[in-house]
Protein backbone atom coordinates (compact mmCIF):
# COMPACT_ATOMS: atom_id res chain seq x y z
CA GLN A 1 0.00 -0.01 -0.08
CA GLU A 2 2.87 2.44 0.65
CA VAL A 3 4.27 1.97 -2.93
CA GLY A 4 0.77 2.75 -4.32
CA GLU A 5 0.35 5.82 -2.09
CA GLN A 6 3.87 6.92 -3.05
CA GLU A 7 3.08 6.47 -6.77
CA GLN A 8 -0.14 8.54 -6.26
CA VAL A 9 1.97 11.33 -4.76
CA GLU A 10 4.52 11.29 -7.51
CA GLN A 11 1.85 11.47 -10.06
CA GLN A 12 0.10 14.47 -8.34
CA GLN A 13 3.54 16.15 -8.11
CA LEU A 14 4.24 15.41 -11.82
CA GLN A 15 0.85 16.79 -12.75
CA HIS A 16 1.42 19.82 -10.64
CA GLU A 17 4.67 20.47 -12.36
CA GLN A 18 3.14 20.04 -15.72
CA SER A 19 0.37 22.34 -15.03
CA HIS A 20 2.78 24.92 -13.48
CA ARG A 21 4.97 24.40 -16.64
CA ARG A 22 1.88 25.11 -18.92
CA LEU A 23 1.03 28.20 -16.84
CA THR A 24 4.54 29.57 -17.21
CA GLU A 25 4.33 29.08 -20.88
CA VAL A 26 1.01 30.74 -21.14
CA GLU A 27 2.42 33.85 -19.19
CA LYS A 28 5.22 34.16 -21.70
CA LEU A 29 2.76 34.56 -24.61
CA ILE A 30 2.77 37.88 -26.43
CA PRO A 31 -0.32 38.64 -28.49
CA GLY A 32 0.40 38.42 -32.30
CA GLU A 33 3.80 36.58 -31.73
CA PRO A 34 3.93 32.85 -32.71
CA PHE A 35 4.09 30.23 -29.77
CA GLN A 36 6.36 27.36 -30.52
CA LYS A 37 6.64 24.23 -28.69
CA THR A 38 8.89 21.23 -29.33
CA VAL A 39 7.98 17.95 -27.87
CA THR A 40 9.96 14.83 -28.43
CA ALA A 41 7.78 11.80 -29.36
CA GLU A 42 8.18 9.00 -26.84
CA SER A 43 7.05 6.31 -29.41
CA PRO A 44 6.22 6.13 -33.19
CA GLY A 45 2.43 6.36 -33.75
CA TRP A 46 -0.40 8.81 -34.23
CA TYR A 47 -0.48 12.00 -32.10
CA ARG A 48 -3.24 14.43 -31.76
CA LEU A 49 -3.08 18.19 -31.01
CA CYS A 50 -6.01 19.89 -29.10
CA VAL A 51 -6.14 23.65 -28.79
CA THR A 52 -8.82 25.50 -26.77
CA ALA A 53 -9.49 29.09 -25.70
CA LYS A 54 -10.77 30.15 -22.31
CA TRP A 55 -12.46 33.27 -23.71
CA GLY A 56 -12.83 34.85 -27.14
CA THR A 57 -11.81 33.36 -30.45
CA ILE A 58 -8.28 32.58 -31.50
CA GLU A 59 -6.79 31.72 -34.92
CA ILE A 60 -4.60 28.76 -35.01
CA GLU A 61 -1.99 27.62 -37.59
CA MET A 62 -0.05 24.33 -36.79
CA GLU A 63 2.81 22.94 -38.37
CA LEU A 64 4.17 19.51 -37.40
CA ARG A 65 7.72 18.88 -38.35
CA LYS A 66 9.90 15.74 -37.97
CA SER A 67 13.56 16.23 -37.40
CA SER A 68 14.10 13.12 -39.72
CA THR A 69 12.64 15.16 -42.58
CA TYR A 70 13.63 18.75 -41.67
CA GLY A 71 17.01 18.26 -40.04
CA PRO A 72 18.13 18.23 -36.44
CA ILE A 73 16.83 20.39 -33.62
CA ASN A 74 18.34 24.06 -33.94
CA PRO A 75 20.50 24.62 -30.78
CA HIS A 76 19.72 28.32 -30.82
CA THR A 77 15.89 27.97 -30.88
CA GLY A 78 15.52 24.41 -29.47
CA HIS A 79 12.94 23.66 -32.39
CA VAL A 80 12.94 21.59 -35.51
CA PRO A 81 13.71 24.03 -38.44
CA GLY A 82 10.72 24.79 -40.68
CA SER A 83 10.27 23.87 -44.42
CA ASP A 84 11.82 27.23 -45.37
CA ALA A 85 15.10 26.58 -43.46
CA ALA A 86 15.11 23.06 -44.77
CA ILE A 87 14.73 24.06 -48.35
CA THR A 88 17.50 26.66 -47.97
CA HIS A 89 19.66 24.19 -46.28
CA SER A 90 19.23 21.46 -48.83
CA GLU A 91 19.90 24.06 -51.64
CA ILE A 92 23.25 25.03 -49.99
CA HIS A 93 24.23 21.50 -49.45
CA HIS A 94 23.46 20.69 -52.92
CA LEU A 95 26.01 23.43 -53.88
CA TYR A 96 28.56 21.49 -51.61
CA GLU A 97 27.78 18.14 -53.28
CA LYS A 98 28.57 19.72 -56.74
CA GLU A 99 31.87 20.91 -55.45
CA GLU A 100 32.80 17.37 -54.44
CA ASP A 101 32.04 16.40 -58.19
CA ASP A 102 35.07 15.16 -60.12
CA THR A 103 34.30 17.20 -63.17
CA VAL A 104 34.22 20.42 -61.06
CA ARG A 105 37.52 19.58 -59.49
CA LYS A 106 39.14 18.89 -62.86
CA GLU A 107 38.14 22.31 -64.18
CA VAL A 108 39.18 24.04 -61.08
CA GLU A 109 42.24 22.07 -60.18
CA GLY A 110 44.69 24.35 -61.98
CA ALA A 111 43.12 27.73 -61.40
CA ILE A 112 42.34 27.64 -57.64
CA GLN A 113 44.31 26.71 -54.65
CA THR A 114 42.95 24.48 -51.83
CA GLU A 115 43.39 27.33 -49.38
CA ASP A 116 41.20 29.53 -51.47
CA LEU A 117 38.45 26.72 -51.61
CA ASP A 118 38.71 26.30 -47.73
CA THR A 119 38.33 30.10 -47.34
CA THR A 120 35.40 30.21 -49.76
CA LYS A 121 33.62 27.14 -48.02
CA GLU A 122 34.07 28.88 -44.61
CA GLN A 123 32.66 32.14 -46.12
CA LEU A 124 29.61 30.21 -47.63
CA ARG A 125 28.96 28.65 -44.21
CA ILE A 126 28.93 32.08 -42.51
CA LEU A 127 26.67 33.32 -45.40
CA GLU A 128 24.35 30.37 -44.96
CA LYS A 129 23.99 31.37 -41.20
CA VAL A 130 23.34 34.91 -41.94
CA TYR A 131 21.05 34.14 -44.75
CA GLN A 132 19.10 31.74 -42.42
CA GLU A 133 18.81 34.67 -39.82
CA ILE A 134 17.46 37.04 -42.32
CA ILE A 135 14.80 34.51 -43.44
CA THR A 136 13.73 33.89 -39.79
CA LYS A 137 13.46 37.62 -39.03
CA GLN A 138 11.49 38.30 -42.27
CA LEU A 139 8.95 35.47 -41.36
CA GLU A 140 8.67 36.91 -37.86
CA GLU A 141 7.93 40.28 -39.32
CA ARG A 142 5.47 38.89 -41.67
CA ARG A 143 3.64 37.20 -39.01
CA VAL A 144 3.54 40.50 -36.83
CA TRP A 145 2.33 42.33 -39.93
CA ASN A 146 -0.37 39.92 -40.55
CA TRP A 147 -1.42 40.09 -37.00
CA ARG A 148 -1.47 43.91 -36.90
CA THR A 149 -3.52 43.88 -40.13
CA ILE A 150 -6.09 41.70 -38.70
CA LYS A 151 -6.23 43.69 -35.51
CA ASN A 152 -6.59 47.04 -37.52
CA GLN A 153 -9.43 45.51 -39.70
CA HIS A 154 -11.17 44.48 -36.26
CA LEU A 155 -10.71 47.93 -34.93
CA TYR A 156 -11.98 49.51 -38.19
CA SER A 157 -15.18 47.35 -38.24
CA HIS A 158 -15.83 48.40 -34.59
CA LEU A 159 -15.26 52.15 -35.79
CA VAL A 160 -17.72 51.79 -38.52
CA LEU A 161 -20.25 50.10 -36.52
CA GLY A 162 -20.08 52.59 -33.73
CA ASN A 163 -20.47 55.45 -36.27
CA LEU A 164 -23.29 53.90 -37.90
CA VAL A 165 -25.27 53.39 -34.57
CA GLU A 166 -24.36 57.11 -33.50
CA THR A 167 -25.78 58.31 -36.95
CA VAL A 168 -28.95 56.19 -36.41
CA VAL A 169 -29.55 57.49 -32.96
CA TYR A 170 -29.07 61.24 -34.16
CA CYS A 171 -31.41 60.63 -36.85
CA VAL A 172 -34.13 59.22 -34.54
CA ILE A 173 -33.52 62.19 -32.03
CA SER A 174 -33.84 64.60 -34.94
CA GLY A 175 -37.01 62.92 -36.07
CA TYR A 176 -38.50 62.95 -32.60
CA GLN A 177 -37.69 66.76 -32.35
CA VAL A 178 -39.29 67.61 -35.53
CA PHE A 179 -42.36 65.74 -34.63
CA THR A 180 -42.54 67.34 -31.18
CA ILE A 181 -41.98 70.84 -32.54
CA ARG A 182 -44.75 70.41 -35.32
CA LYS A 183 -47.20 69.20 -32.58
CA TRP A 184 -46.33 72.11 -30.48
CA PHE A 185 -46.81 74.59 -33.19
CA GLY A 186 -49.78 72.76 -34.55
CA GLY A 187 -51.75 73.34 -31.37
CA GLY A 188 -51.92 69.83 -30.48
CA PRO A 189 -52.47 68.73 -26.67
CA SER A 190 -49.14 66.76 -26.73
CA LEU A 191 -47.20 69.49 -24.69
CA GLY A 192 -49.65 70.17 -21.92
CA ARG A 193 -51.96 72.63 -23.59
């Protein structure tokens, strides 16, 4: 019985830690910014993702990525690279594969020194990293831009609706004033005569 009670206590502590971890993740959310979470699959099979909102409506865009398809986890971000990063990475590595080709070596053998090629390779690797950072920042800016566009459209629709309601109220008040003044000058008993 002690083992069973101990297991229950451990499970309760684990659930508490998981809910606390979820709460800290939610506290870090910034409106309009993408939320990324990488989870390592324990075993092969089908997985289901469920998303709920406590209040209001949310827009969900999910992307599931496998490290076997898109490459290893990025040590800087802690996430599996996206499809854009994988395409860029494969294009650049395709250039490296061409470099290993014998026909390219024969063409270049007399014209270029190996030190020059090593320097060029290193510069290409640096350029690949910078290019990847630029693409990542552009994607982030595009997401922020899209979120701000949606927010502005929402605010604009509220503004238009508010102005329409205000105009209708003014028209109703003006119509009532015209009606009341006509009755007043018409000698009707509506104003206490």
